Amino acid sequence: MDQTESAEEDGVFTTISLADDSVDSGSTVSDSKLDCEQVMMNADMEELSARVDAVKEENLKLKSENQVLGQYIENLMSASSVFQTTDTKSKRK
């Protein structure tokens, strides 16, 4: 006689067999649910990983553009008489 009990943990039902089952009867609903959740988590991780890679790429691009713009601004400032450096040592007492 095969006796079974159901246990509930965190809203997930599992079937526990009290008899000696030497043959695997296949996956249970809980196993299928866990497999589905794992596949979904893997998909989420892949999506997050792709997003992180895209953000890293964008960050490198922006850093490069900032360097170009910084150099351009420095060149403009050095060419302008308004931004010429003054000798601060001679003004101090």
N, C-alpha and C. Protein backbone atom coordinates (compact mmCIF):
# COMPACT_ATOMS: atom_id res chain seq x y z
N MET A 1 0.85 -1.18 0.00
CA MET A 1 0.00 0.00 0.00
C MET A 1 0.89 1.24 0.00
N ASP A 2 0.68 2.17 -0.92
CA ASP A 2 1.48 3.37 -1.06
C ASP A 2 0.82 4.50 -0.30
N GLN A 3 1.50 5.00 0.73
CA GLN A 3 0.96 6.11 1.51
C GLN A 3 1.78 7.35 1.18
N THR A 4 1.10 8.48 1.00
CA THR A 4 1.79 9.73 0.71
C THR A 4 1.26 10.82 1.61
N GLU A 5 2.10 11.80 1.85
CA GLU A 5 1.70 12.97 2.62
C GLU A 5 2.09 14.20 1.82
N SER A 6 1.31 15.25 1.95
CA SER A 6 1.65 16.51 1.30
C SER A 6 2.17 17.47 2.36
N ALA A 7 3.23 18.17 2.02
CA ALA A 7 3.80 19.18 2.92
C ALA A 7 3.80 20.51 2.18
N GLU A 8 3.52 21.58 2.90
CA GLU A 8 3.50 22.90 2.29
C GLU A 8 4.58 23.75 2.93
N GLU A 9 5.50 24.26 2.09
CA GLU A 9 6.55 25.16 2.53
C GLU A 9 6.61 26.32 1.55
N ASP A 10 6.45 27.51 2.05
CA ASP A 10 6.53 28.72 1.22
C ASP A 10 5.59 28.67 0.02
N GLY A 11 4.42 28.08 0.17
CA GLY A 11 3.45 28.05 -0.90
C GLY A 11 3.74 27.00 -1.96
N VAL A 12 4.73 26.13 -1.76
CA VAL A 12 5.07 25.10 -2.73
C VAL A 12 4.67 23.75 -2.14
N PHE A 13 3.87 23.00 -2.87
CA PHE A 13 3.45 21.69 -2.41
C PHE A 13 4.42 20.64 -2.93
N THR A 14 4.84 19.78 -2.03
CA THR A 14 5.69 18.66 -2.43
C THR A 14 5.05 17.37 -1.96
N THR A 15 5.25 16.32 -2.70
CA THR A 15 4.71 15.03 -2.33
C THR A 15 5.83 14.17 -1.78
N ILE A 16 5.63 13.66 -0.58
CA ILE A 16 6.63 12.82 0.06
C ILE A 16 6.06 11.41 0.14
N SER A 17 6.75 10.47 -0.44
CA SER A 17 6.29 9.09 -0.43
C SER A 17 6.81 8.40 0.81
N LEU A 18 5.92 7.67 1.50
CA LEU A 18 6.31 6.93 2.68
C LEU A 18 6.67 5.49 2.34
N ALA A 19 6.41 5.07 1.13
CA ALA A 19 6.73 3.71 0.70
C ALA A 19 8.11 3.70 0.07
N ASP A 20 8.70 2.54 -0.08
CA ASP A 20 10.00 2.39 -0.71
C ASP A 20 9.81 2.36 -2.21
N ASP A 21 10.09 3.48 -2.86
CA ASP A 21 9.95 3.59 -4.30
C ASP A 21 11.33 3.42 -4.92
N SER A 22 11.62 2.27 -5.45
CA SER A 22 12.93 2.04 -6.04
C SER A 22 12.99 2.55 -7.47
N VAL A 23 11.84 2.80 -8.10
CA VAL A 23 11.80 3.30 -9.46
C VAL A 23 11.33 4.75 -9.43
N ASP A 24 12.05 5.62 -10.14
CA ASP A 24 11.68 7.03 -10.20
C ASP A 24 10.43 7.16 -11.06
N SER A 25 9.40 7.74 -10.48
CA SER A 25 8.14 7.85 -11.20
C SER A 25 8.09 9.08 -12.08
N GLY A 26 9.18 9.85 -12.18
CA GLY A 26 9.19 11.05 -13.01
C GLY A 26 9.21 12.29 -12.16
N SER A 27 9.29 13.44 -12.80
CA SER A 27 9.36 14.69 -12.06
C SER A 27 7.98 15.07 -11.54
N THR A 28 7.98 15.77 -10.43
CA THR A 28 6.73 16.23 -9.83
C THR A 28 6.45 17.64 -10.31
N VAL A 29 5.30 18.14 -9.94
CA VAL A 29 4.93 19.50 -10.30
C VAL A 29 5.92 20.48 -9.70
N SER A 30 6.39 20.21 -8.48
CA SER A 30 7.35 21.09 -7.83
C SER A 30 8.65 21.14 -8.60
N ASP A 31 9.11 19.97 -9.07
CA ASP A 31 10.34 19.93 -9.86
C ASP A 31 10.19 20.76 -11.12
N SER A 32 9.06 20.64 -11.78
CA SER A 32 8.81 21.41 -13.00
C SER A 32 8.79 22.90 -12.71
N LYS A 33 8.18 23.26 -11.60
CA LYS A 33 8.11 24.67 -11.22
C LYS A 33 9.51 25.20 -10.92
N LEU A 34 10.32 24.41 -10.21
CA LEU A 34 11.68 24.82 -9.90
C LEU A 34 12.51 24.96 -11.16
N ASP A 35 12.36 24.02 -12.10
CA ASP A 35 13.07 24.08 -13.37
C ASP A 35 12.69 25.35 -14.13
N CYS A 36 11.41 25.65 -14.16
CA CYS A 36 10.91 26.83 -14.86
C CYS A 36 11.48 28.11 -14.22
N GLU A 37 11.49 28.15 -12.88
CA GLU A 37 12.03 29.31 -12.19
C GLU A 37 13.52 29.47 -12.46
N GLN A 38 14.24 28.34 -12.51
CA GLN A 38 15.66 28.40 -12.78
C GLN A 38 15.93 28.91 -14.20
N VAL A 39 15.14 28.47 -15.16
CA VAL A 39 15.29 28.93 -16.53
C VAL A 39 15.01 30.43 -16.60
N MET A 40 13.98 30.87 -15.89
CA MET A 40 13.65 32.29 -15.89
C MET A 40 14.76 33.11 -15.23
N MET A 41 15.34 32.59 -14.13
CA MET A 41 16.43 33.30 -13.46
C MET A 41 17.66 33.36 -14.36
N ASN A 42 17.94 32.28 -15.09
CA ASN A 42 19.06 32.28 -16.02
C ASN A 42 18.85 33.31 -17.12
N ALA A 43 17.63 33.39 -17.63
CA ALA A 43 17.31 34.37 -18.67
C ALA A 43 17.47 35.79 -18.13
N ASP A 44 17.03 36.02 -16.89
CA ASP A 44 17.18 37.33 -16.27
C ASP A 44 18.66 37.68 -16.10
N MET A 45 19.46 36.70 -15.69
CA MET A 45 20.89 36.92 -15.50
C MET A 45 21.56 37.25 -16.84
N GLU A 46 21.17 36.54 -17.90
CA GLU A 46 21.73 36.82 -19.22
C GLU A 46 21.35 38.22 -19.68
N GLU A 47 20.11 38.59 -19.41
CA GLU A 47 19.65 39.94 -19.78
C GLU A 47 20.41 41.01 -19.00
N LEU A 48 20.60 40.78 -17.71
CA LEU A 48 21.35 41.74 -16.89
C LEU A 48 22.81 41.81 -17.34
N SER A 49 23.38 40.68 -17.66
CA SER A 49 24.76 40.64 -18.11
C SER A 49 24.93 41.42 -19.42
N ALA A 50 23.99 41.24 -20.33
CA ALA A 50 24.03 41.97 -21.60
C ALA A 50 23.89 43.47 -21.35
N ARG A 51 23.04 43.84 -20.42
CA ARG A 51 22.84 45.26 -20.09
C ARG A 51 24.11 45.86 -19.48
N VAL A 52 24.75 45.10 -18.58
CA VAL A 52 26.00 45.57 -17.97
C VAL A 52 27.06 45.78 -19.04
N ASP A 53 27.17 44.84 -19.97
CA ASP A 53 28.14 44.98 -21.06
C ASP A 53 27.86 46.22 -21.90
N ALA A 54 26.59 46.47 -22.19
CA ALA A 54 26.21 47.65 -22.98
C ALA A 54 26.55 48.94 -22.24
N VAL A 55 26.32 48.95 -20.93
CA VAL A 55 26.61 50.15 -20.13
C VAL A 55 28.12 50.38 -20.06
N LYS A 56 28.90 49.30 -19.91
CA LYS A 56 30.36 49.44 -19.90
C LYS A 56 30.87 50.02 -21.22
N GLU A 57 30.32 49.52 -22.31
CA GLU A 57 30.71 50.01 -23.63
C GLU A 57 30.37 51.49 -23.79
N GLU A 58 29.19 51.87 -23.37
CA GLU A 58 28.76 53.27 -23.44
C GLU A 58 29.65 54.15 -22.56
N ASN A 59 30.01 53.65 -21.38
CA ASN A 59 30.87 54.38 -20.46
C ASN A 59 32.23 54.66 -21.09
N LEU A 60 32.82 53.65 -21.72
CA LEU A 60 34.12 53.84 -22.38
C LEU A 60 34.03 54.86 -23.51
N LYS A 61 32.93 54.79 -24.26
CA LYS A 61 32.73 55.74 -25.36
C LYS A 61 32.63 57.17 -24.82
N LEU A 62 31.88 57.35 -23.76
CA LEU A 62 31.71 58.69 -23.18
C LEU A 62 33.01 59.21 -22.58
N LYS A 63 33.78 58.33 -21.94
CA LYS A 63 35.08 58.76 -21.40
C LYS A 63 35.98 59.26 -22.52
N SER A 64 36.00 58.54 -23.63
CA SER A 64 36.82 58.94 -24.77
C SER A 64 36.36 60.28 -25.31
N GLU A 65 35.06 60.47 -25.44
CA GLU A 65 34.54 61.75 -25.93
C GLU A 65 34.88 62.88 -24.96
N ASN A 66 34.81 62.60 -23.66
CA ASN A 66 35.15 63.62 -22.67
C ASN A 66 36.62 64.04 -22.78
N GLN A 67 37.51 63.09 -23.04
CA GLN A 67 38.92 63.43 -23.20
C GLN A 67 39.12 64.33 -24.41
N VAL A 68 38.44 64.02 -25.50
CA VAL A 68 38.56 64.84 -26.72
C VAL A 68 38.04 66.25 -26.44
N LEU A 69 36.88 66.33 -25.80
CA LEU A 69 36.30 67.64 -25.49
C LEU A 69 37.17 68.42 -24.51
N GLY A 70 37.73 67.74 -23.52
CA GLY A 70 38.61 68.40 -22.56
C GLY A 70 39.84 68.99 -23.24
N GLN A 71 40.44 68.23 -24.14
CA GLN A 71 41.60 68.73 -24.88
C GLN A 71 41.23 69.91 -25.77
N TYR A 72 40.06 69.82 -26.39
CA TYR A 72 39.58 70.91 -27.25
C TYR A 72 39.40 72.19 -26.43
N ILE A 73 38.79 72.07 -25.25
CA ILE A 73 38.57 73.23 -24.38
C ILE A 73 39.90 73.82 -23.92
N GLU A 74 40.84 72.94 -23.55
CA GLU A 74 42.16 73.43 -23.15
C GLU A 74 42.84 74.21 -24.28
N ASN A 75 42.74 73.69 -25.49
CA ASN A 75 43.33 74.38 -26.64
C ASN A 75 42.67 75.73 -26.88
N LEU A 76 41.35 75.80 -26.75
CA LEU A 76 40.65 77.08 -26.92
C LEU A 76 41.07 78.07 -25.84
N MET A 77 41.16 77.59 -24.61
CA MET A 77 41.52 78.48 -23.51
C MET A 77 42.95 78.99 -23.66
N SER A 78 43.86 78.14 -24.11
CA SER A 78 45.25 78.59 -24.26
C SER A 78 45.39 79.56 -25.43
N ALA A 79 44.52 79.47 -26.41
CA ALA A 79 44.57 80.37 -27.56
C ALA A 79 43.90 81.71 -27.26
N SER A 80 43.11 81.79 -26.21
CA SER A 80 42.37 83.01 -25.89
C SER A 80 43.14 83.84 -24.88
N SER A 81 43.13 85.15 -25.08
CA SER A 81 43.82 86.04 -24.13
C SER A 81 43.05 86.16 -22.81
N VAL A 82 41.79 85.89 -22.83
CA VAL A 82 40.96 85.98 -21.62
C VAL A 82 41.41 84.94 -20.59
N PHE A 83 41.82 83.78 -21.06
CA PHE A 83 42.16 82.69 -20.16
C PHE A 83 43.67 82.50 -19.98
N GLN A 84 44.45 83.49 -20.37
CA GLN A 84 45.90 83.38 -20.18
C GLN A 84 46.21 83.34 -18.69
N THR A 85 47.16 82.49 -18.32
CA THR A 85 47.51 82.37 -16.90
C THR A 85 48.31 83.59 -16.48
N THR A 86 48.15 83.96 -15.23
CA THR A 86 48.90 85.08 -14.67
C THR A 86 49.92 84.53 -13.69
N ASP A 87 50.93 85.27 -13.46
CA ASP A 87 51.97 84.86 -12.53
C ASP A 87 51.51 85.21 -11.13
N THR A 88 51.05 84.26 -10.37
CA THR A 88 50.52 84.50 -9.03
C THR A 88 51.63 84.72 -8.02
N LYS A 89 52.85 84.28 -8.27
CA LYS A 89 53.94 84.43 -7.33
C LYS A 89 54.38 85.87 -7.20
N SER A 90 54.33 86.63 -8.28
CA SER A 90 54.78 88.03 -8.23
C SER A 90 53.76 88.92 -7.52
N LYS A 91 52.51 88.53 -7.43
CA LYS A 91 51.49 89.32 -6.77
C LYS A 91 51.49 89.10 -5.27
N ARG A 92 52.07 88.01 -4.79
CA ARG A 92 52.10 87.74 -3.35
C ARG A 92 53.23 88.51 -2.68
N LYS A 93 53.02 88.89 -1.44
CA LYS A 93 54.05 89.61 -0.70
C LYS A 93 54.93 88.67 0.06
